[in-house]
């Protein structure tokens, strides 16, 4: 069987290791069991998900508004 060596960050490694069913479970098996979402997302998908997304509370909105007030255009719009 051919193999490939990949580099992953420590967080990804910890998640892979935690997903093993036993110490002898290979990372290849863990990856093959993973559920990968296929296809592109559409506006309809977003609209369907909206009822399940919690609304931002007042403190979040206040921080966004404060950041927008402090934001100013760049001196040079080409940079």
PDB file of N, CA and C in Angstrom:
ATOM      1  N   UNK A   1       0.839  -1.167   0.000  1.00  0.00           N
ATOM      2  CA  UNK A   1       0.000   0.000   0.000  1.00  0.00           C
ATOM      3  C   UNK A   1       0.891   1.240   0.000  1.00  0.00           C
ATOM      4  N   UNK A   2       0.604   2.180  -0.889  1.00  0.00           N
ATOM      5  CA  UNK A   2       1.360   3.426  -0.967  1.00  0.00           C
ATOM      6  C   UNK A   2       0.958   4.342   0.179  1.00  0.00           C
ATOM      7  N   UNK A   3       1.892   5.165   0.613  1.00  0.00           N
ATOM      8  CA  UNK A   3       1.612   6.118   1.683  1.00  0.00           C
ATOM      9  C   UNK A   3       2.114   7.497   1.289  1.00  0.00           C
ATOM     10  N   UNK A   4       1.591   8.511   1.961  1.00  0.00           N
ATOM     11  CA  UNK A   4       2.024   9.893   1.804  1.00  0.00           C
ATOM     12  C   UNK A   4       2.279  10.455   3.193  1.00  0.00           C
ATOM     13  N   UNK A   5       3.284  11.279   3.323  1.00  0.00           N
ATOM     14  CA  UNK A   5       3.569  11.963   4.577  1.00  0.00           C
ATOM     15  C   UNK A   5       2.968  13.359   4.492  1.00  0.00           C
ATOM     16  N   UNK A   6       2.228  13.749   5.530  1.00  0.00           N
ATOM     17  CA  UNK A   6       1.625  15.079   5.579  1.00  0.00           C
ATOM     18  C   UNK A   6       2.058  15.776   6.859  1.00  0.00           C
ATOM     19  N   UNK A   7       1.968  17.079   6.845  1.00  0.00           N
ATOM     20  CA  UNK A   7       2.244  17.872   8.049  1.00  0.00           C
ATOM     21  C   UNK A   7       0.931  18.462   8.534  1.00  0.00           C
ATOM     22  N   UNK A   8       0.687  18.346   9.838  1.00  0.00           N
ATOM     23  CA  UNK A   8      -0.504  18.933  10.439  1.00  0.00           C
ATOM     24  C   UNK A   8      -0.082  19.668  11.705  1.00  0.00           C
ATOM     25  N   UNK A   9      -0.867  20.633  12.123  1.00  0.00           N
ATOM     26  CA  UNK A   9      -0.517  21.348  13.350  1.00  0.00           C
ATOM     27  C   UNK A   9      -0.882  20.483  14.560  1.00  0.00           C
ATOM     28  N   UNK A  10      -0.434  20.920  15.726  1.00  0.00           N
ATOM     29  CA  UNK A  10      -0.629  20.107  16.936  1.00  0.00           C
ATOM     30  C   UNK A  10      -2.099  19.936  17.288  1.00  0.00           C
ATOM     31  N   UNK A  11      -2.908  20.951  17.058  1.00  0.00           N
ATOM     32  CA  UNK A  11      -4.334  20.838  17.364  1.00  0.00           C
ATOM     33  C   UNK A  11      -4.968  19.751  16.495  1.00  0.00           C
ATOM     34  N   UNK A  12      -4.651  19.742  15.199  1.00  0.00           N
ATOM     35  CA  UNK A  12      -5.187  18.721  14.302  1.00  0.00           C
ATOM     36  C   UNK A  12      -4.709  17.336  14.734  1.00  0.00           C
ATOM     37  N   UNK A  13      -3.448  17.229  15.144  1.00  0.00           N
ATOM     38  CA  UNK A  13      -2.910  15.940  15.604  1.00  0.00           C
ATOM     39  C   UNK A  13      -3.662  15.460  16.850  1.00  0.00           C
ATOM     40  N   UNK A  14      -3.888  16.352  17.787  1.00  0.00           N
ATOM     41  CA  UNK A  14      -4.609  15.966  19.014  1.00  0.00           C
ATOM     42  C   UNK A  14      -6.032  15.503  18.694  1.00  0.00           C
ATOM     43  N   UNK A  15      -6.677  16.198  17.739  1.00  0.00           N
ATOM     44  CA  UNK A  15      -8.041  15.811  17.365  1.00  0.00           C
ATOM     45  C   UNK A  15      -8.054  14.451  16.681  1.00  0.00           C
ATOM     46  N   UNK A  16      -7.097  14.222  15.801  1.00  0.00           N
ATOM     47  CA  UNK A  16      -7.005  12.904  15.162  1.00  0.00           C
ATOM     48  C   UNK A  16      -6.763  11.815  16.200  1.00  0.00           C
ATOM     49  N   UNK A  17      -5.819  12.052  17.099  1.00  0.00           N
ATOM     50  CA  UNK A  17      -5.491  11.067  18.123  1.00  0.00           C
ATOM     51  C   UNK A  17      -6.698  10.780  19.015  1.00  0.00           C
ATOM     52  N   UNK A  18      -7.448  11.827  19.354  1.00  0.00           N
ATOM     53  CA  UNK A  18      -8.630  11.650  20.210  1.00  0.00           C
ATOM     54  C   UNK A  18      -9.740  10.895  19.488  1.00  0.00           C
ATOM     55  N   UNK A  19      -9.761  10.948  18.163  1.00  0.00           N
ATOM     56  CA  UNK A  19     -10.822  10.291  17.396  1.00  0.00           C
ATOM     57  C   UNK A  19     -10.553   8.806  17.171  1.00  0.00           C
ATOM     58  N   UNK A  20      -9.382   8.331  17.572  1.00  0.00           N
ATOM     59  CA  UNK A  20      -9.103   6.903  17.403  1.00  0.00           C
ATOM     60  C   UNK A  20     -10.006   6.079  18.310  1.00  0.00           C
ATOM     61  N   UNK A  21     -10.441   4.926  17.812  1.00  0.00           N
ATOM     62  CA  UNK A  21     -11.291   4.040  18.611  1.00  0.00           C
ATOM     63  C   UNK A  21     -10.472   3.184  19.564  1.00  0.00           C
ATOM     64  N   UNK A  22      -9.212   2.973  19.237  1.00  0.00           N
ATOM     65  CA  UNK A  22      -8.296   2.220  20.088  1.00  0.00           C
ATOM     66  C   UNK A  22      -6.888   2.711  19.796  1.00  0.00           C
ATOM     67  N   UNK A  23      -5.938   2.421  20.669  1.00  0.00           N
ATOM     68  CA  UNK A  23      -4.558   2.849  20.404  1.00  0.00           C
ATOM     69  C   UNK A  23      -3.983   2.275  19.100  1.00  0.00           C
ATOM     70  N   UNK A  24      -4.522   1.159  18.637  1.00  0.00           N
ATOM     71  CA  UNK A  24      -4.037   0.551  17.393  1.00  0.00           C
ATOM     72  C   UNK A  24      -4.735   1.101  16.155  1.00  0.00           C
ATOM     73  N   UNK A  25      -5.750   1.932  16.345  1.00  0.00           N
ATOM     74  CA  UNK A  25      -6.482   2.532  15.228  1.00  0.00           C
ATOM     75  C   UNK A  25      -5.561   3.510  14.503  1.00  0.00           C
ATOM     76  N   UNK A  26      -5.419   3.345  13.203  1.00  0.00           N
ATOM     77  CA  UNK A  26      -4.512   4.210  12.446  1.00  0.00           C
ATOM     78  C   UNK A  26      -5.183   5.541  12.124  1.00  0.00           C
ATOM     79  N   UNK A  27      -4.350   6.553  11.883  1.00  0.00           N
ATOM     80  CA  UNK A  27      -4.887   7.849  11.474  1.00  0.00           C
ATOM     81  C   UNK A  27      -5.596   7.729  10.126  1.00  0.00           C
ATOM     82  N   UNK A  28      -5.126   6.854   9.267  1.00  0.00           N
ATOM     83  CA  UNK A  28      -5.798   6.640   7.980  1.00  0.00           C
ATOM     84  C   UNK A  28      -7.233   6.176   8.198  1.00  0.00           C
ATOM     85  N   UNK A  29      -7.434   5.270   9.135  1.00  0.00           N
ATOM     86  CA  UNK A  29      -8.791   4.790   9.420  1.00  0.00           C
ATOM     87  C   UNK A  29      -9.655   5.908  10.005  1.00  0.00           C
ATOM     88  N   UNK A  30      -9.061   6.720  10.877  1.00  0.00           N
ATOM     89  CA  UNK A  30      -9.802   7.836  11.462  1.00  0.00           C
ATOM     90  C   UNK A  30     -10.249   8.789  10.370  1.00  0.00           C
ATOM     91  N   UNK A  31      -9.343   9.125   9.459  1.00  0.00           N
ATOM     92  CA  UNK A  31      -9.664  10.057   8.378  1.00  0.00           C
ATOM     93  C   UNK A  31     -10.730   9.470   7.461  1.00  0.00           C
ATOM     94  N   UNK A  32     -10.648   8.171   7.171  1.00  0.00           N
ATOM     95  CA  UNK A  32     -11.642   7.536   6.293  1.00  0.00           C
ATOM     96  C   UNK A  32     -13.019   7.496   6.938  1.00  0.00           C
ATOM     97  N   UNK A  33     -13.080   7.456   8.274  1.00  0.00           N
ATOM     98  CA  UNK A  33     -14.370   7.460   8.972  1.00  0.00           C
ATOM     99  C   UNK A  33     -14.967   8.856   9.055  1.00  0.00           C
ATOM    100  N   UNK A  34     -14.141   9.875   8.877  1.00  0.00           N
ATOM    101  CA  UNK A  34     -14.604  11.259   9.031  1.00  0.00           C
ATOM    102  C   UNK A  34     -15.681  11.577   8.009  1.00  0.00           C
ATOM    103  N   UNK A  35     -16.582  12.448   8.405  1.00  0.00           N
ATOM    104  CA  UNK A  35     -17.658  12.888   7.513  1.00  0.00           C
ATOM    105  C   UNK A  35     -17.243  14.215   6.908  1.00  0.00           C
ATOM    106  N   UNK A  36     -17.091  14.246   5.598  1.00  0.00           N
ATOM    107  CA  UNK A  36     -16.696  15.464   4.890  1.00  0.00           C
ATOM    108  C   UNK A  36     -17.901  15.981   4.136  1.00  0.00           C
ATOM    109  N   UNK A  37     -18.253  17.227   4.382  1.00  0.00           N
ATOM    110  CA  UNK A  37     -19.386  17.814   3.681  1.00  0.00           C
ATOM    111  C   UNK A  37     -18.989  18.090   2.237  1.00  0.00           C
ATOM    112  N   UNK A  38     -19.807  17.650   1.327  1.00  0.00           N
ATOM    113  CA  UNK A  38     -19.549  17.846  -0.090  1.00  0.00           C
ATOM    114  C   UNK A  38     -20.476  18.912  -0.646  1.00  0.00           C
ATOM    115  N   UNK A  39     -20.082  19.486  -1.736  1.00  0.00           N
ATOM    116  CA  UNK A  39     -20.933  20.452  -2.414  1.00  0.00           C
ATOM    117  C   UNK A  39     -20.749  21.855  -1.892  1.00  0.00           C
ATOM    118  N   UNK A  40     -21.168  22.785  -2.693  1.00  0.00           N
ATOM    119  CA  UNK A  40     -21.061  24.181  -2.304  1.00  0.00           C
ATOM    120  C   UNK A  40     -22.312  24.592  -1.528  1.00  0.00           C
ATOM    121  N   UNK A  41     -22.136  25.599  -0.717  1.00  0.00           N
ATOM    122  CA  UNK A  41     -23.256  26.126   0.059  1.00  0.00           C
ATOM    123  C   UNK A  41     -24.010  27.139  -0.788  1.00  0.00           C
ATOM    124  N   UNK A  42     -25.298  27.193  -0.589  1.00  0.00           N
ATOM    125  CA  UNK A  42     -26.131  28.125  -1.345  1.00  0.00           C
ATOM    126  C   UNK A  42     -26.807  29.087  -0.386  1.00  0.00           C
ATOM    127  N   UNK A  43     -27.403  30.105  -0.926  1.00  0.00           N
ATOM    128  CA  UNK A  43     -28.165  31.044  -0.116  1.00  0.00           C
ATOM    129  C   UNK A  43     -29.338  30.319   0.561  1.00  0.00           C
ATOM    130  N   UNK A  44     -29.909  29.362  -0.145  1.00  0.00           N
ATOM    131  CA  UNK A  44     -30.994  28.575   0.440  1.00  0.00           C
ATOM    132  C   UNK A  44     -30.530  27.807   1.669  1.00  0.00           C
ATOM    133  N   UNK A  45     -29.280  27.275   1.629  1.00  0.00           N
ATOM    134  CA  UNK A  45     -28.723  26.582   2.793  1.00  0.00           C
ATOM    135  C   UNK A  45     -28.592  27.539   3.974  1.00  0.00           C
ATOM    136  N   UNK A  46     -28.123  28.765   3.684  1.00  0.00           N
ATOM    137  CA  UNK A  46     -27.988  29.759   4.740  1.00  0.00           C
ATOM    138  C   UNK A  46     -29.352  30.108   5.333  1.00  0.00           C
ATOM    139  N   UNK A  47     -30.333  30.343   4.495  1.00  0.00           N
ATOM    140  CA  UNK A  47     -31.667  30.682   4.976  1.00  0.00           C
ATOM    141  C   UNK A  47     -32.257  29.547   5.812  1.00  0.00           C
ATOM    142  N   UNK A  48     -32.002  28.313   5.416  1.00  0.00           N
ATOM    143  CA  UNK A  48     -32.508  27.165   6.174  1.00  0.00           C
ATOM    144  C   UNK A  48     -31.826  27.057   7.533  1.00  0.00           C
ATOM    145  N   UNK A  49     -30.557  27.487   7.622  1.00  0.00           N
ATOM    146  CA  UNK A  49     -29.810  27.384   8.872  1.00  0.00           C
ATOM    147  C   UNK A  49     -30.099  28.536   9.832  1.00  0.00           C
ATOM    148  N   UNK A  50     -30.608  29.646   9.336  1.00  0.00           N
ATOM    149  CA  UNK A  50     -30.806  30.830  10.179  1.00  0.00           C
ATOM    150  C   UNK A  50     -31.601  30.583  11.461  1.00  0.00           C
ATOM    151  N   UNK A  51     -32.675  29.801  11.438  1.00  0.00           N
ATOM    152  CA  UNK A  51     -33.405  29.592  12.698  1.00  0.00           C
ATOM    153  C   UNK A  51     -32.566  28.902  13.788  1.00  0.00           C
ATOM    154  N   UNK A  52     -31.502  28.210  13.410  1.00  0.00           N
ATOM    155  CA  UNK A  52     -30.673  27.493  14.378  1.00  0.00           C
ATOM    156  C   UNK A  52     -29.469  28.301  14.840  1.00  0.00           C
ATOM    157  N   UNK A  53     -29.256  29.480  14.264  1.00  0.00           N
ATOM    158  CA  UNK A  53     -28.109  30.309  14.621  1.00  0.00           C
ATOM    159  C   UNK A  53     -28.554  31.306  15.674  1.00  0.00           C
ATOM    160  N   UNK A  54     -27.882  31.319  16.836  1.00  0.00           N
ATOM    161  CA  UNK A  54     -28.310  32.258  17.882  1.00  0.00           C
ATOM    162  C   UNK A  54     -28.016  33.692  17.476  1.00  0.00           C
ATOM    163  N   UNK A  55     -28.868  34.591  17.899  1.00  0.00           N
ATOM    164  CA  UNK A  55     -28.677  36.016  17.618  1.00  0.00           C
ATOM    165  C   UNK A  55     -27.560  36.551  18.501  1.00  0.00           C
ATOM    166  N   UNK A  56     -26.828  37.536  17.987  1.00  0.00           N
ATOM    167  CA  UNK A  56     -25.776  38.177  18.774  1.00  0.00           C
ATOM    168  C   UNK A  56     -26.418  38.967  19.904  1.00  0.00           C
ATOM    169  N   UNK A  57     -25.801  38.907  21.092  1.00  0.00           N
ATOM    170  CA  UNK A  57     -26.370  39.673  22.202  1.00  0.00           C
ATOM    171  C   UNK A  57     -25.931  41.139  22.103  1.00  0.00           C
ATOM    172  N   UNK A  58     -26.496  41.963  22.951  1.00  0.00           N
ATOM    173  CA  UNK A  58     -26.283  43.413  22.885  1.00  0.00           C
ATOM    174  C   UNK A  58     -24.815  43.784  23.026  1.00  0.00           C
ATOM    175  N   UNK A  59     -24.065  43.077  23.867  1.00  0.00           N
ATOM    176  CA  UNK A  59     -22.649  43.438  24.068  1.00  0.00           C
ATOM    177  C   UNK A  59     -21.841  43.219  22.789  1.00  0.00           C
ATOM    178  N   UNK A  60     -22.160  42.191  22.037  1.00  0.00           N
ATOM    179  CA  UNK A  60     -21.467  41.945  20.769  1.00  0.00           C
ATOM    180  C   UNK A  60     -21.776  43.069  19.791  1.00  0.00           C
ATOM    181  N   UNK A  61     -23.020  43.442  19.693  1.00  0.00           N
ATOM    182  CA  UNK A  61     -23.411  44.519  18.788  1.00  0.00           C
ATOM    183  C   UNK A  61     -22.740  45.834  19.174  1.00  0.00           C
ATOM    184  N   UNK A  62     -22.631  46.107  20.468  1.00  0.00           N
ATOM    185  CA  UNK A  62     -21.982  47.333  20.920  1.00  0.00           C
ATOM    186  C   UNK A  62     -20.498  47.332  20.550  1.00  0.00           C
ATOM    187  N   UNK A  63     -19.820  46.184  20.684  1.00  0.00           N
ATOM    188  CA  UNK A  63     -18.402  46.101  20.327  1.00  0.00           C
ATOM    189  C   UNK A  63     -18.208  46.279  18.823  1.00  0.00           C
ATOM    190  N   UNK A  64     -19.113  45.736  18.024  1.00  0.00           N
ATOM    191  CA  UNK A  64     -19.020  45.906  16.566  1.00  0.00           C
ATOM    192  C   UNK A  64     -19.202  47.371  16.200  1.00  0.00           C
ATOM    193  N   UNK A  65     -20.200  48.021  16.793  1.00  0.00           N
ATOM    194  CA  UNK A  65     -20.439  49.431  16.502  1.00  0.00           C
ATOM    195  C   UNK A  65     -19.264  50.299  16.934  1.00  0.00           C
ATOM    196  N   UNK A  66     -18.659  49.993  18.089  1.00  0.00           N
ATOM    197  CA  UNK A  66     -17.502  50.760  18.557  1.00  0.00           C
ATOM    198  C   UNK A  66     -16.324  50.580  17.602  1.00  0.00           C
ATOM    199  N   UNK A  67     -16.112  49.369  17.139  1.00  0.00           N
ATOM    200  CA  UNK A  67     -15.013  49.114  16.196  1.00  0.00           C
ATOM    201  C   UNK A  67     -15.249  49.836  14.880  1.00  0.00           C
ATOM    202  N   UNK A  68     -16.484  49.894  14.431  1.00  0.00           N
ATOM    203  CA  UNK A  68     -16.794  50.602  13.190  1.00  0.00           C
ATOM    204  C   UNK A  68     -16.566  52.108  13.342  1.00  0.00           C
ATOM    205  N   UNK A  69     -16.868  52.669  14.502  1.00  0.00           N
ATOM    206  CA  UNK A  69     -16.644  54.096  14.723  1.00  0.00           C
ATOM    207  C   UNK A  69     -15.154  54.423  14.716  1.00  0.00           C
ATOM    208  N   UNK A  70     -14.336  53.499  15.223  1.00  0.00           N
ATOM    209  CA  UNK A  70     -12.889  53.725  15.289  1.00  0.00           C
ATOM    210  C   UNK A  70     -12.212  53.465  13.948  1.00  0.00           C
ATOM    211  N   UNK A  71     -12.854  52.743  13.068  1.00  0.00           N
ATOM    212  CA  UNK A  71     -12.273  52.385  11.780  1.00  0.00           C
ATOM    213  C   UNK A  71     -12.252  53.615  10.886  1.00  0.00           C
ATOM    214  N   UNK A  72     -11.143  53.824  10.203  1.00  0.00           N
ATOM    215  CA  UNK A  72     -11.060  54.945   9.269  1.00  0.00           C
ATOM    216  C   UNK A  72     -10.461  54.439   7.949  1.00  0.00           C
ATOM    217  N   UNK A  73     -10.745  55.135   6.874  1.00  0.00           N
ATOM    218  CA  UNK A  73     -10.212  54.694   5.599  1.00  0.00           C
ATOM    219  C   UNK A  73      -8.678  54.763   5.587  1.00  0.00           C
ATOM    220  N   UNK A  74      -8.079  53.923   4.791  1.00  0.00           N
ATOM    221  CA  UNK A  74      -6.628  53.913   4.660  1.00  0.00           C
ATOM    222  C   UNK A  74      -6.160  55.205   4.004  1.00  0.00           C
ATOM    223  N   UNK A  75      -4.953  55.666   4.379  1.00  0.00           N
ATOM    224  CA  UNK A  75      -4.388  56.863   3.752  1.00  0.00           C
ATOM    225  C   UNK A  75      -4.195  56.642   2.250  1.00  0.00           C
ATOM    226  N   UNK A  76      -3.772  55.431   1.904  1.00  0.00           N
ATOM    227  CA  UNK A  76      -3.533  55.102   0.506  1.00  0.00           C
ATOM    228  C   UNK A  76      -4.408  53.913   0.169  1.00  0.00           C
ATOM    229  N   UNK A  77      -5.433  54.099  -0.623  1.00  0.00           N
ATOM    230  CA  UNK A  77      -6.360  53.014  -0.921  1.00  0.00           C
ATOM    231  C   UNK A  77      -5.741  51.956  -1.808  1.00  0.00           C
ATOM    232  N   UNK A  78      -4.522  52.148  -2.286  1.00  0.00           N
ATOM    233  CA  UNK A  78      -3.847  51.154  -3.121  1.00  0.00           C
ATOM    234  C   UNK A  78      -3.007  50.190  -2.292  1.00  0.00           C
ATOM    235  N   UNK A  79      -2.889  50.427  -0.991  1.00  0.00           N
ATOM    236  CA  UNK A  79      -2.063  49.527  -0.185  1.00  0.00           C
ATOM    237  C   UNK A  79      -2.888  48.661   0.705  1.00  0.00           C
TER     238      UNK A  79
END
